[in-house]
Amino acid sequence: MKKFLKALAVLAAVAALGFGFASCSDSDDDDGGSGSAPSLAAYSGTNSDSETETITFYSDNTYAMHIYSKETDDGITVTMDLDVEKGTYTGDPTKDGTVVCTSVSQVNRATMVELMMKAMYSGSNSLTITNSNCPLEALDSSKVKTRNCTISGTTLTDDEDNKYTRK
């Protein structure tokens, strides 16, 4: 039982990671799920939990935040490779200055935890979370978040002091 509770705590922690200002995919896919708009700029960073976070800005004034991480603990491997937030932005992400991002959809954390619990109860030793099993959900107006991002040279810094480097 102690091992089960530890594994559950690890999985819950993994589910909670990457929801500050995360980001977009490491692939060169230019639509990022935002339609046919080409990407203008992508910024990427690795956080203290060894997760790769990327934000990609598209020419139609949308952005997508993607996270990739893979962690193994107590014999259970959890891989997250999904967009965790999408929205619109104002400003020019290709130049020094401020870009204001407004989220319109996010991954539901409860869905992620539910997927992890099902994997644990089934005895699975691995779980991959993508947008196919954990889709983005539209935010109601009371939960929409706005973030200010400052671009200086090749560095994007958000209002939580997270830093990303232009790809």
C-alpha atoms as a PDB file:
ATOM      1  CA  MET A   1       0.000   0.000   0.000  1.00  0.00           C
ATOM      2  CA  LYS A   2       2.867   2.362   0.792  1.00  0.00           C
ATOM      3  CA  LYS A   3       4.361   1.796  -2.683  1.00  0.00           C
ATOM      4  CA  PHE A   4       0.954   2.434  -4.279  1.00  0.00           C
ATOM      5  CA  LEU A   5       0.552   5.737  -2.429  1.00  0.00           C
ATOM      6  CA  LYS A   6       4.065   6.816  -3.414  1.00  0.00           C
ATOM      7  CA  ALA A   7       3.380   5.979  -7.073  1.00  0.00           C
ATOM      8  CA  LEU A   8       0.091   7.862  -6.909  1.00  0.00           C
ATOM      9  CA  ALA A   9       1.866  10.892  -5.448  1.00  0.00           C
ATOM     10  CA  VAL A  10       4.470  10.763  -8.219  1.00  0.00           C
ATOM     11  CA  LEU A  11       1.789  10.554 -10.898  1.00  0.00           C
ATOM     12  CA  ALA A  12      -0.200  13.392  -9.368  1.00  0.00           C
ATOM     13  CA  ALA A  13       2.944  15.516  -9.272  1.00  0.00           C
ATOM     14  CA  VAL A  14       3.650  14.766 -12.923  1.00  0.00           C
ATOM     15  CA  ALA A  15       0.085  15.755 -13.787  1.00  0.00           C
ATOM     16  CA  ALA A  16       0.497  19.076 -12.043  1.00  0.00           C
ATOM     17  CA  LEU A  17       3.732  19.924 -13.846  1.00  0.00           C
ATOM     18  CA  GLY A  18       3.965  22.203 -16.799  1.00  0.00           C
ATOM     19  CA  PHE A  19       0.892  24.323 -16.257  1.00  0.00           C
ATOM     20  CA  GLY A  20       2.636  27.579 -15.468  1.00  0.00           C
ATOM     21  CA  PHE A  21       3.687  28.785 -18.876  1.00  0.00           C
ATOM     22  CA  ALA A  22       4.422  25.667 -20.786  1.00  0.00           C
ATOM     23  CA  SER A  23       4.378  25.301 -24.525  1.00  0.00           C
ATOM     24  CA  CYS A  24       4.401  23.933 -28.130  1.00  0.00           C
ATOM     25  CA  SER A  25       5.809  20.947 -29.859  1.00  0.00           C
ATOM     26  CA  ASP A  26       9.370  20.181 -30.722  1.00  0.00           C
ATOM     27  CA  SER A  27       8.248  19.094 -34.169  1.00  0.00           C
ATOM     28  CA  ASP A  28       8.440  21.302 -37.197  1.00  0.00           C
ATOM     29  CA  ASP A  29       4.687  21.061 -37.742  1.00  0.00           C
ATOM     30  CA  ASP A  30       3.729  24.610 -38.596  1.00  0.00           C
ATOM     31  CA  ASP A  31       0.006  24.442 -37.958  1.00  0.00           C
ATOM     32  CA  GLY A  32       0.194  23.438 -34.283  1.00  0.00           C
ATOM     33  CA  GLY A  33      -3.481  22.682 -34.453  1.00  0.00           C
ATOM     34  CA  SER A  34      -4.247  26.330 -35.099  1.00  0.00           C
ATOM     35  CA  GLY A  35      -5.343  25.784 -38.672  1.00  0.00           C
ATOM     36  CA  SER A  36      -3.161  26.511 -41.639  1.00  0.00           C
ATOM     37  CA  ALA A  37      -1.319  29.516 -40.225  1.00  0.00           C
ATOM     38  CA  PRO A  38       2.472  29.221 -40.372  1.00  0.00           C
ATOM     39  CA  SER A  39       4.489  29.664 -37.207  1.00  0.00           C
ATOM     40  CA  LEU A  40       6.293  32.976 -36.720  1.00  0.00           C
ATOM     41  CA  ALA A  41       8.419  32.131 -33.701  1.00  0.00           C
ATOM     42  CA  ALA A  42       8.929  29.339 -31.184  1.00  0.00           C
ATOM     43  CA  TYR A  43      10.574  29.602 -27.779  1.00  0.00           C
ATOM     44  CA  SER A  44      11.637  26.579 -25.763  1.00  0.00           C
ATOM     45  CA  GLY A  45      13.057  25.824 -22.352  1.00  0.00           C
ATOM     46  CA  THR A  46      13.617  23.031 -19.866  1.00  0.00           C
ATOM     47  CA  ASN A  47      12.243  23.446 -16.389  1.00  0.00           C
ATOM     48  CA  SER A  48      13.605  22.070 -13.114  1.00  0.00           C
ATOM     49  CA  ASP A  49      11.639  18.845 -13.653  1.00  0.00           C
ATOM     50  CA  SER A  50      13.428  18.187 -16.981  1.00  0.00           C
ATOM     51  CA  GLU A  51      10.279  18.920 -18.970  1.00  0.00           C
ATOM     52  CA  THR A  52      10.657  20.601 -22.330  1.00  0.00           C
ATOM     53  CA  GLU A  53       8.232  23.491 -22.630  1.00  0.00           C
ATOM     54  CA  THR A  54       7.680  25.317 -25.906  1.00  0.00           C
ATOM     55  CA  ILE A  55       5.434  28.157 -26.954  1.00  0.00           C
ATOM     56  CA  THR A  56       4.815  28.674 -30.647  1.00  0.00           C
ATOM     57  CA  PHE A  57       3.313  31.850 -32.066  1.00  0.00           C
ATOM     58  CA  TYR A  58       1.395  31.634 -35.357  1.00  0.00           C
ATOM     59  CA  SER A  59       0.751  34.258 -38.027  1.00  0.00           C
ATOM     60  CA  ASP A  60      -3.006  34.257 -37.293  1.00  0.00           C
ATOM     61  CA  ASN A  61      -2.304  35.702 -33.807  1.00  0.00           C
ATOM     62  CA  THR A  62      -2.798  32.382 -32.038  1.00  0.00           C
ATOM     63  CA  TYR A  63      -0.308  30.503 -29.889  1.00  0.00           C
ATOM     64  CA  ALA A  64      -0.016  26.983 -28.541  1.00  0.00           C
ATOM     65  CA  MET A  65       1.888  25.802 -25.488  1.00  0.00           C
ATOM     66  CA  HIS A  66       3.235  22.252 -25.551  1.00  0.00           C
ATOM     67  CA  ILE A  67       4.966  20.095 -22.991  1.00  0.00           C
ATOM     68  CA  TYR A  68       7.116  17.028 -23.379  1.00  0.00           C
ATOM     69  CA  SER A  69       8.349  15.008 -20.437  1.00  0.00           C
ATOM     70  CA  LYS A  70       9.174  11.421 -19.649  1.00  0.00           C
ATOM     71  CA  GLU A  71       9.613  10.234 -16.100  1.00  0.00           C
ATOM     72  CA  THR A  72       9.989   6.783 -14.588  1.00  0.00           C
ATOM     73  CA  ASP A  73       9.437   6.128 -10.909  1.00  0.00           C
ATOM     74  CA  ASP A  74       8.694   2.858  -9.138  1.00  0.00           C
ATOM     75  CA  GLY A  75       8.673   1.080 -12.486  1.00  0.00           C
ATOM     76  CA  ILE A  76       5.973   3.291 -14.004  1.00  0.00           C
ATOM     77  CA  THR A  77       6.900   5.462 -16.989  1.00  0.00           C
ATOM     78  CA  VAL A  78       4.717   8.479 -17.704  1.00  0.00           C
ATOM     79  CA  THR A  79       5.262  10.346 -20.967  1.00  0.00           C
ATOM     80  CA  MET A  80       3.470  13.634 -21.605  1.00  0.00           C
ATOM     81  CA  ASP A  81       3.554  14.985 -25.152  1.00  0.00           C
ATOM     82  CA  LEU A  82       0.668  17.375 -25.621  1.00  0.00           C
ATOM     83  CA  ASP A  83      -0.534  20.911 -26.047  1.00  0.00           C
ATOM     84  CA  VAL A  84      -1.568  22.140 -22.608  1.00  0.00           C
ATOM     85  CA  GLU A  85      -2.889  25.569 -23.589  1.00  0.00           C
ATOM     86  CA  LYS A  86      -3.938  27.527 -26.651  1.00  0.00           C
ATOM     87  CA  GLY A  87      -5.053  31.086 -27.113  1.00  0.00           C
ATOM     88  CA  THR A  88      -4.552  34.389 -28.860  1.00  0.00           C
ATOM     89  CA  TYR A  89      -1.846  37.026 -28.544  1.00  0.00           C
ATOM     90  CA  THR A  90      -1.158  40.668 -29.275  1.00  0.00           C
ATOM     91  CA  GLY A  91       2.270  42.067 -30.075  1.00  0.00           C
ATOM     92  CA  ASP A  92       5.074  40.855 -32.329  1.00  0.00           C
ATOM     93  CA  PRO A  93       6.757  37.637 -31.125  1.00  0.00           C
ATOM     94  CA  THR A  94       9.592  38.125 -33.613  1.00  0.00           C
ATOM     95  CA  LYS A  95      10.847  41.413 -32.141  1.00  0.00           C
ATOM     96  CA  ASP A  96      11.953  42.793 -28.797  1.00  0.00           C
ATOM     97  CA  GLY A  97       8.996  43.992 -26.760  1.00  0.00           C
ATOM     98  CA  THR A  98       5.904  42.690 -25.005  1.00  0.00           C
ATOM     99  CA  VAL A  99       3.545  39.992 -26.235  1.00  0.00           C
ATOM    100  CA  VAL A 100       0.301  39.521 -24.297  1.00  0.00           C
ATOM    101  CA  CYS A 101      -1.093  35.964 -24.387  1.00  0.00           C
ATOM    102  CA  THR A 102      -4.731  35.220 -23.550  1.00  0.00           C
ATOM    103  CA  SER A 103      -5.625  31.559 -23.032  1.00  0.00           C
ATOM    104  CA  VAL A 104      -8.880  30.227 -24.474  1.00  0.00           C
ATOM    105  CA  SER A 105      -8.419  26.477 -23.896  1.00  0.00           C
ATOM    106  CA  GLN A 106      -6.470  24.240 -21.528  1.00  0.00           C
ATOM    107  CA  VAL A 107      -5.992  20.610 -20.628  1.00  0.00           C
ATOM    108  CA  ASN A 108      -8.179  19.479 -17.746  1.00  0.00           C
ATOM    109  CA  ARG A 109      -5.873  18.368 -14.910  1.00  0.00           C
ATOM    110  CA  ALA A 110      -8.532  16.051 -13.496  1.00  0.00           C
ATOM    111  CA  THR A 111      -8.571  14.162 -16.807  1.00  0.00           C
ATOM    112  CA  MET A 112      -4.810  13.680 -16.584  1.00  0.00           C
ATOM    113  CA  VAL A 113      -5.033  12.332 -13.037  1.00  0.00           C
ATOM    114  CA  GLU A 114      -7.891  10.028 -14.079  1.00  0.00           C
ATOM    115  CA  LEU A 115      -5.769   8.610 -16.915  1.00  0.00           C
ATOM    116  CA  MET A 116      -2.927   7.989 -14.477  1.00  0.00           C
ATOM    117  CA  MET A 117      -5.194   6.293 -11.963  1.00  0.00           C
ATOM    118  CA  LYS A 118      -6.645   4.002 -14.652  1.00  0.00           C
ATOM    119  CA  ALA A 119      -3.152   3.048 -15.784  1.00  0.00           C
ATOM    120  CA  MET A 120      -2.107   2.256 -12.223  1.00  0.00           C
ATOM    121  CA  TYR A 121      -5.211   0.201 -11.458  1.00  0.00           C
ATOM    122  CA  SER A 122      -4.819  -1.762 -14.687  1.00  0.00           C
ATOM    123  CA  GLY A 123      -1.275  -2.706 -13.710  1.00  0.00           C
ATOM    124  CA  SER A 124       0.224  -0.897 -16.685  1.00  0.00           C
ATOM    125  CA  ASN A 125       3.857   0.080 -16.364  1.00  0.00           C
ATOM    126  CA  SER A 126       3.629   2.926 -18.871  1.00  0.00           C
ATOM    127  CA  LEU A 127       1.291   5.725 -19.841  1.00  0.00           C
ATOM    128  CA  THR A 128       1.514   8.219 -22.666  1.00  0.00           C
ATOM    129  CA  ILE A 129      -0.648  11.322 -22.395  1.00  0.00           C
ATOM    130  CA  THR A 130      -1.397  13.181 -25.624  1.00  0.00           C
ATOM    131  CA  ASN A 131      -4.222  15.409 -26.788  1.00  0.00           C
ATOM    132  CA  SER A 132      -5.966  12.335 -28.196  1.00  0.00           C
ATOM    133  CA  ASN A 133      -6.633  11.010 -24.688  1.00  0.00           C
ATOM    134  CA  CYS A 134      -6.493  14.357 -22.880  1.00  0.00           C
ATOM    135  CA  PRO A 135      -7.967  17.045 -25.164  1.00  0.00           C
ATOM    136  CA  LEU A 136      -7.943  20.775 -24.645  1.00  0.00           C
ATOM    137  CA  GLU A 137     -11.165  22.195 -23.229  1.00  0.00           C
ATOM    138  CA  ALA A 138     -12.568  25.680 -23.840  1.00  0.00           C
ATOM    139  CA  LEU A 139     -12.260  27.950 -20.810  1.00  0.00           C
ATOM    140  CA  ASP A 140     -15.237  29.895 -19.578  1.00  0.00           C
ATOM    141  CA  SER A 141     -14.681  33.640 -19.347  1.00  0.00           C
ATOM    142  CA  SER A 142     -13.982  33.534 -15.589  1.00  0.00           C
ATOM    143  CA  LYS A 143     -10.981  31.197 -16.100  1.00  0.00           C
ATOM    144  CA  VAL A 144      -9.313  32.939 -19.036  1.00  0.00           C
ATOM    145  CA  LYS A 145      -5.734  33.898 -18.136  1.00  0.00           C
ATOM    146  CA  THR A 146      -3.615  36.682 -19.563  1.00  0.00           C
ATOM    147  CA  ARG A 147       0.187  36.492 -19.453  1.00  0.00           C
ATOM    148  CA  ASN A 148       2.711  39.145 -20.370  1.00  0.00           C
ATOM    149  CA  CYS A 149       5.813  37.923 -22.165  1.00  0.00           C
ATOM    150  CA  THR A 150       8.859  40.110 -22.652  1.00  0.00           C
ATOM    151  CA  ILE A 151      11.095  39.349 -25.602  1.00  0.00           C
ATOM    152  CA  SER A 152      14.688  40.541 -25.529  1.00  0.00           C
ATOM    153  CA  GLY A 153      17.006  39.199 -28.198  1.00  0.00           C
ATOM    154  CA  THR A 154      16.444  35.452 -28.339  1.00  0.00           C
ATOM    155  CA  THR A 155      14.935  35.194 -24.842  1.00  0.00           C
ATOM    156  CA  LEU A 156      11.257  35.240 -23.883  1.00  0.00           C
ATOM    157  CA  THR A 157      10.512  35.828 -20.194  1.00  0.00           C
ATOM    158  CA  ASP A 158       6.938  35.465 -18.944  1.00  0.00           C
ATOM    159  CA  ASP A 159       5.379  37.253 -15.981  1.00  0.00           C
ATOM    160  CA  GLU A 160       6.253  34.285 -13.735  1.00  0.00           C
ATOM    161  CA  ASP A 161       9.948  34.795 -14.634  1.00  0.00           C
ATOM    162  CA  ASN A 162      10.137  31.602 -16.728  1.00  0.00           C
ATOM    163  CA  LYS A 163      12.726  31.949 -19.495  1.00  0.00           C
ATOM    164  CA  TYR A 164      12.618  30.414 -22.975  1.00  0.00           C
ATOM    165  CA  THR A 165      15.100  30.582 -25.853  1.00  0.00           C
ATOM    166  CA  ARG A 166      14.089  31.148 -29.455  1.00  0.00           C
ATOM    167  CA  LYS A 167      14.410  28.006 -31.552  1.00  0.00           C
END
